[in-house]
Amino acid sequence: MKTFYFESKKTAFKEGLRDGLPIGLGYLAVSFSLGILAKNSGLSPFQGFLASLLNNASAGEYAVFTLIGAGATYLEVALMTFVANARYLLMSTAVSQKMHEDTPLIHRLAVAFDITDELFAIAMNRPGYINPYYSYGAFTLALPGWAFGTAFGVIAGELMPLRLVSALSVALYGMFLACIIPAARKNRIVAVIILICFVLSYVASTVPVLAQISSGTRTIILTVVIASLAAIIFPYPEESDE
């Protein structure tokens, strides 16, 4: 049976391409720095490309590449990936609630594959139901931009002098500062929690018992503990029905 969104799928796809173009260009630039980190962790251009193609998440990949470089176990990598990308579970749930009830499961799964902060935002801001083909259009440019950007970063890291590679590695930290500074300026609680994270991360690396644990496991423990306590002590205020 012909469902509601097939009639306008071509238009929706074109609109997704239009909105996904600036996101793809931004991903191409940002993931280049991520590719530098992947190179420093021993990944090849193809491995960096494949990692970004299957895991389109800056924080998640940063954590994974860092753990790979530190020689972490598969279990540590899997747990850290789950923790770093847990917010996408909530985003996928929100997107599914905005889809028409007749949307087949295969389309729901396909859209959930590439839920990122930016792609989630443009999908949720569209009026009415979310057309899967709109998301597919955005994915068509955003996902390759992220994957090729990572691969180009690895290639550049292999060709450039070591000092220049080290200098470009700082760009990735700049990207994360750009993520946390606006939130910290907007909310003092977030700023305090970020400072607490810095302090506890340093303390955990110096305390005899915790220092003996691998850096990957320490990061997982600190992430879960701090995030859980922050959610309990400073719960996000519920919006009124109005």
Protein backbone atom coordinates (compact mmCIF):
# COMPACT_ATOMS: atom_id res chain seq x y z
CA MET A 1 0.00 0.00 0.00
CA LYS A 2 1.27 3.46 -0.86
CA THR A 3 2.10 5.33 2.33
CA PHE A 4 2.00 9.04 3.02
CA TYR A 5 5.62 9.94 2.38
CA PHE A 6 6.23 8.18 -0.94
CA GLU A 7 4.29 10.86 -2.82
CA SER A 8 6.78 13.59 -1.89
CA LYS A 9 9.96 11.59 -1.36
CA LYS A 10 11.80 13.30 -4.26
CA THR A 11 11.05 16.76 -2.92
CA ALA A 12 11.92 15.75 0.62
CA PHE A 13 15.20 14.22 -0.55
CA LYS A 14 16.18 17.40 -2.40
CA GLU A 15 15.38 19.50 0.67
CA GLY A 16 17.53 17.15 2.74
CA LEU A 17 20.41 17.62 0.30
CA ARG A 18 20.02 21.37 0.58
CA ASP A 19 20.06 21.38 4.38
CA GLY A 20 22.74 18.72 4.59
CA LEU A 21 25.25 20.57 2.39
CA PRO A 22 26.52 23.04 5.04
CA ILE A 23 26.57 20.25 7.62
CA GLY A 24 28.65 18.06 5.31
CA LEU A 25 31.13 20.87 4.67
CA GLY A 26 31.41 21.50 8.40
CA TYR A 27 31.93 17.81 9.07
CA LEU A 28 34.66 17.69 6.42
CA ALA A 29 36.61 20.40 8.23
CA VAL A 30 36.06 19.16 11.79
CA SER A 31 36.76 15.48 11.10
CA PHE A 32 40.10 16.41 9.50
CA SER A 33 41.46 17.07 12.99
CA LEU A 34 39.93 13.79 14.12
CA GLY A 35 41.89 12.08 11.34
CA ILE A 36 45.12 13.50 12.78
CA LEU A 37 44.29 11.81 16.07
CA ALA A 38 43.44 8.57 14.24
CA LYS A 39 46.83 8.67 12.53
CA ASN A 40 48.59 9.20 15.86
CA SER A 41 46.71 6.17 17.18
CA GLY A 42 48.05 4.00 14.36
CA LEU A 43 45.02 3.84 12.04
CA SER A 44 45.30 3.75 8.26
CA PRO A 45 43.29 6.11 6.01
CA PHE A 46 40.84 3.31 5.19
CA GLN A 47 40.43 2.40 8.86
CA GLY A 48 39.80 6.05 9.73
CA PHE A 49 37.30 6.34 6.87
CA LEU A 50 35.47 3.17 7.92
CA ALA A 51 35.40 4.19 11.60
CA SER A 52 33.79 7.54 10.75
CA LEU A 53 31.42 5.99 8.23
CA LEU A 54 30.05 3.59 10.86
CA ASN A 55 30.32 5.86 13.90
CA ASN A 56 29.45 9.43 12.94
CA ALA A 57 30.11 10.94 16.37
CA SER A 58 32.94 13.30 17.29
CA ALA A 59 33.02 12.58 21.04
CA GLY A 60 32.58 8.85 20.52
CA GLU A 61 35.35 8.61 17.94
CA TYR A 62 37.66 10.84 19.94
CA ALA A 63 37.25 8.49 22.89
CA VAL A 64 37.73 5.40 20.72
CA PHE A 65 40.84 6.69 18.95
CA THR A 66 42.33 7.79 22.27
CA LEU A 67 41.71 4.36 23.77
CA ILE A 68 43.16 2.62 20.72
CA GLY A 69 46.29 4.74 21.01
CA ALA A 70 46.53 3.81 24.71
CA GLY A 71 46.26 0.10 23.90
CA ALA A 72 42.88 -0.39 25.54
CA THR A 73 41.00 -3.67 25.37
CA TYR A 74 38.01 -4.32 23.10
CA LEU A 75 35.72 -4.27 26.13
CA GLU A 76 36.96 -0.85 27.21
CA VAL A 77 36.47 0.52 23.69
CA ALA A 78 32.96 -0.92 23.49
CA LEU A 79 31.92 0.46 26.89
CA MET A 80 33.36 3.91 26.21
CA THR A 81 31.63 4.04 22.81
CA PHE A 82 28.33 3.18 24.46
CA VAL A 83 28.75 5.80 27.21
CA ALA A 84 29.92 8.57 24.86
CA ASN A 85 27.09 7.94 22.39
CA ALA A 86 24.31 7.23 24.89
CA ARG A 87 22.63 10.58 24.20
CA TYR A 88 21.75 9.39 20.71
CA LEU A 89 19.37 6.88 22.27
CA LEU A 90 17.30 9.80 23.53
CA MET A 91 17.55 11.63 20.20
CA SER A 92 16.43 8.54 18.28
CA THR A 93 13.46 8.16 20.61
CA ALA A 94 12.45 11.77 20.00
CA VAL A 95 12.76 11.35 16.23
CA SER A 96 10.67 8.17 16.26
CA GLN A 97 7.88 10.00 18.07
CA LYS A 98 7.76 12.58 15.27
CA MET A 99 7.42 9.96 12.53
CA HIS A 100 4.04 8.96 11.14
CA GLU A 101 2.72 5.74 12.66
CA ASP A 102 2.68 4.12 9.20
CA THR A 103 6.43 4.57 8.75
CA PRO A 104 7.94 1.07 8.27
CA LEU A 105 10.51 -0.23 10.74
CA ILE A 106 13.20 -0.38 8.07
CA HIS A 107 12.96 3.39 7.56
CA ARG A 108 13.02 4.03 11.31
CA LEU A 109 16.20 1.96 11.66
CA ALA A 110 17.82 3.65 8.66
CA VAL A 111 17.15 7.14 10.02
CA ALA A 112 18.40 6.12 13.48
CA PHE A 113 21.70 4.97 11.97
CA ASP A 114 22.95 8.52 11.48
CA ILE A 115 21.45 10.60 14.28
CA THR A 116 23.90 13.38 15.13
CA ASP A 117 23.38 16.65 16.98
CA GLU A 118 23.11 18.65 13.75
CA LEU A 119 21.05 16.13 11.75
CA PHE A 120 18.73 15.69 14.72
CA ALA A 121 18.25 19.45 14.93
CA ILE A 122 17.28 19.98 11.28
CA ALA A 123 14.93 16.99 11.34
CA MET A 124 13.13 18.06 14.51
CA ASN A 125 12.79 21.66 13.29
CA ARG A 126 10.84 20.62 10.19
CA PRO A 127 7.08 21.15 10.52
CA GLY A 128 4.82 18.12 10.64
CA TYR A 129 5.96 14.52 10.45
CA ILE A 130 9.58 13.67 9.68
CA ASN A 131 9.88 12.29 6.16
CA PRO A 132 12.61 9.59 6.09
CA TYR A 133 13.71 10.73 2.64
CA TYR A 134 14.50 14.17 4.00
CA SER A 135 16.93 12.56 6.43
CA TYR A 136 18.36 10.38 3.64
CA GLY A 137 19.09 13.49 1.59
CA ALA A 138 20.91 15.10 4.53
CA PHE A 139 22.82 11.87 5.21
CA THR A 140 23.99 11.71 1.58
CA LEU A 141 26.25 14.73 2.09
CA ALA A 142 26.85 14.78 5.84
CA LEU A 143 28.04 11.20 6.31
CA PRO A 144 30.61 11.13 3.45
CA GLY A 145 31.84 14.56 4.56
CA TRP A 146 32.64 13.18 8.00
CA ALA A 147 34.18 9.94 6.70
CA PHE A 148 36.32 11.50 3.96
CA GLY A 149 37.42 14.29 6.29
CA THR A 150 38.78 11.70 8.70
CA ALA A 151 40.55 9.83 5.92
CA PHE A 152 42.09 13.06 4.59
CA GLY A 153 43.31 13.86 8.09
CA VAL A 154 45.05 10.49 8.34
CA ILE A 155 46.64 10.95 4.91
CA ALA A 156 47.81 14.45 5.79
CA GLY A 157 49.23 13.14 9.05
CA GLU A 158 51.27 10.58 7.12
CA LEU A 159 52.67 13.15 4.69
CA MET A 160 53.35 16.08 7.01
CA PRO A 161 56.31 16.46 9.40
CA LEU A 162 55.80 15.20 12.94
CA ARG A 163 55.91 18.71 14.44
CA LEU A 164 53.17 19.92 12.11
CA VAL A 165 51.04 16.88 12.90
CA SER A 166 51.41 17.59 16.61
CA ALA A 167 50.43 21.21 16.03
CA LEU A 168 47.30 20.23 14.09
CA SER A 169 46.34 17.78 16.83
CA VAL A 170 45.62 20.81 19.01
CA ALA A 171 42.78 21.75 16.63
CA LEU A 172 40.74 18.82 17.92
CA TYR A 173 40.92 20.18 21.46
CA GLY A 174 39.79 23.51 20.06
CA MET A 175 36.76 21.77 18.60
CA PHE A 176 35.80 20.39 21.99
CA LEU A 177 36.37 23.74 23.67
CA ALA A 178 33.95 25.18 21.13
CA CYS A 179 31.43 22.57 22.28
CA ILE A 180 31.72 23.09 26.03
CA ILE A 181 32.40 26.84 26.35
CA PRO A 182 28.99 28.03 25.03
CA ALA A 183 27.18 25.60 27.33
CA ALA A 184 29.35 26.64 30.28
CA ARG A 185 28.69 30.33 29.66
CA LYS A 186 24.97 29.72 29.39
CA ASN A 187 24.65 27.59 32.53
CA ARG A 188 26.83 28.00 35.63
CA ILE A 189 26.03 24.48 36.78
CA VAL A 190 27.48 23.08 33.56
CA ALA A 191 30.58 25.23 34.03
CA VAL A 192 31.08 23.93 37.57
CA ILE A 193 30.61 20.33 36.46
CA ILE A 194 33.18 20.78 33.69
CA LEU A 195 35.70 22.11 36.20
CA ILE A 196 34.94 19.19 38.51
CA CYS A 197 35.59 16.81 35.62
CA PHE A 198 39.01 18.37 35.01
CA VAL A 199 39.96 18.20 38.69
CA LEU A 200 38.73 14.64 39.27
CA SER A 201 40.39 13.44 36.08
CA TYR A 202 43.73 14.74 37.35
CA VAL A 203 43.16 13.36 40.86
CA ALA A 204 42.23 9.93 39.47
CA SER A 205 45.51 9.80 37.54
CA THR A 206 47.54 10.46 40.71
CA VAL A 207 45.70 8.44 43.38
CA PRO A 208 47.62 5.14 43.81
CA VAL A 209 44.61 2.81 43.43
CA LEU A 210 43.00 4.58 40.48
CA ALA A 211 46.31 5.34 38.80
CA GLN A 212 46.89 1.59 38.40
CA ILE A 213 43.70 1.29 36.34
CA SER A 214 44.00 1.87 32.61
CA SER A 215 43.15 5.36 31.35
CA GLY A 216 40.23 3.97 29.37
CA THR A 217 38.60 2.38 32.41
CA ARG A 218 39.20 5.54 34.49
CA THR A 219 37.48 7.63 31.83
CA ILE A 220 34.48 5.29 31.78
CA ILE A 221 34.16 5.31 35.58
CA LEU A 222 34.46 9.10 35.85
CA THR A 223 31.99 9.68 33.01
CA VAL A 224 29.31 7.44 34.51
CA VAL A 225 29.79 8.62 38.11
CA ILE A 226 29.95 12.37 37.41
CA ALA A 227 27.08 12.31 34.90
CA SER A 228 24.89 10.28 37.28
CA LEU A 229 25.56 12.52 40.27
CA ALA A 230 24.99 15.66 38.20
CA ALA A 231 21.65 14.32 36.96
CA ILE A 232 20.55 13.49 40.52
CA ILE A 233 21.76 16.68 42.20
CA PHE A 234 20.89 19.08 39.37
CA PRO A 235 17.93 17.53 37.52
CA TYR A 236 16.86 19.25 34.32
CA PRO A 237 13.69 21.25 35.06
CA GLU A 238 10.52 19.84 33.54
CA GLU A 239 8.68 22.09 31.12
CA SER A 240 5.11 23.01 31.94
CA ASP A 241 2.27 21.78 29.76
CA GLU A 242 1.76 25.30 28.49
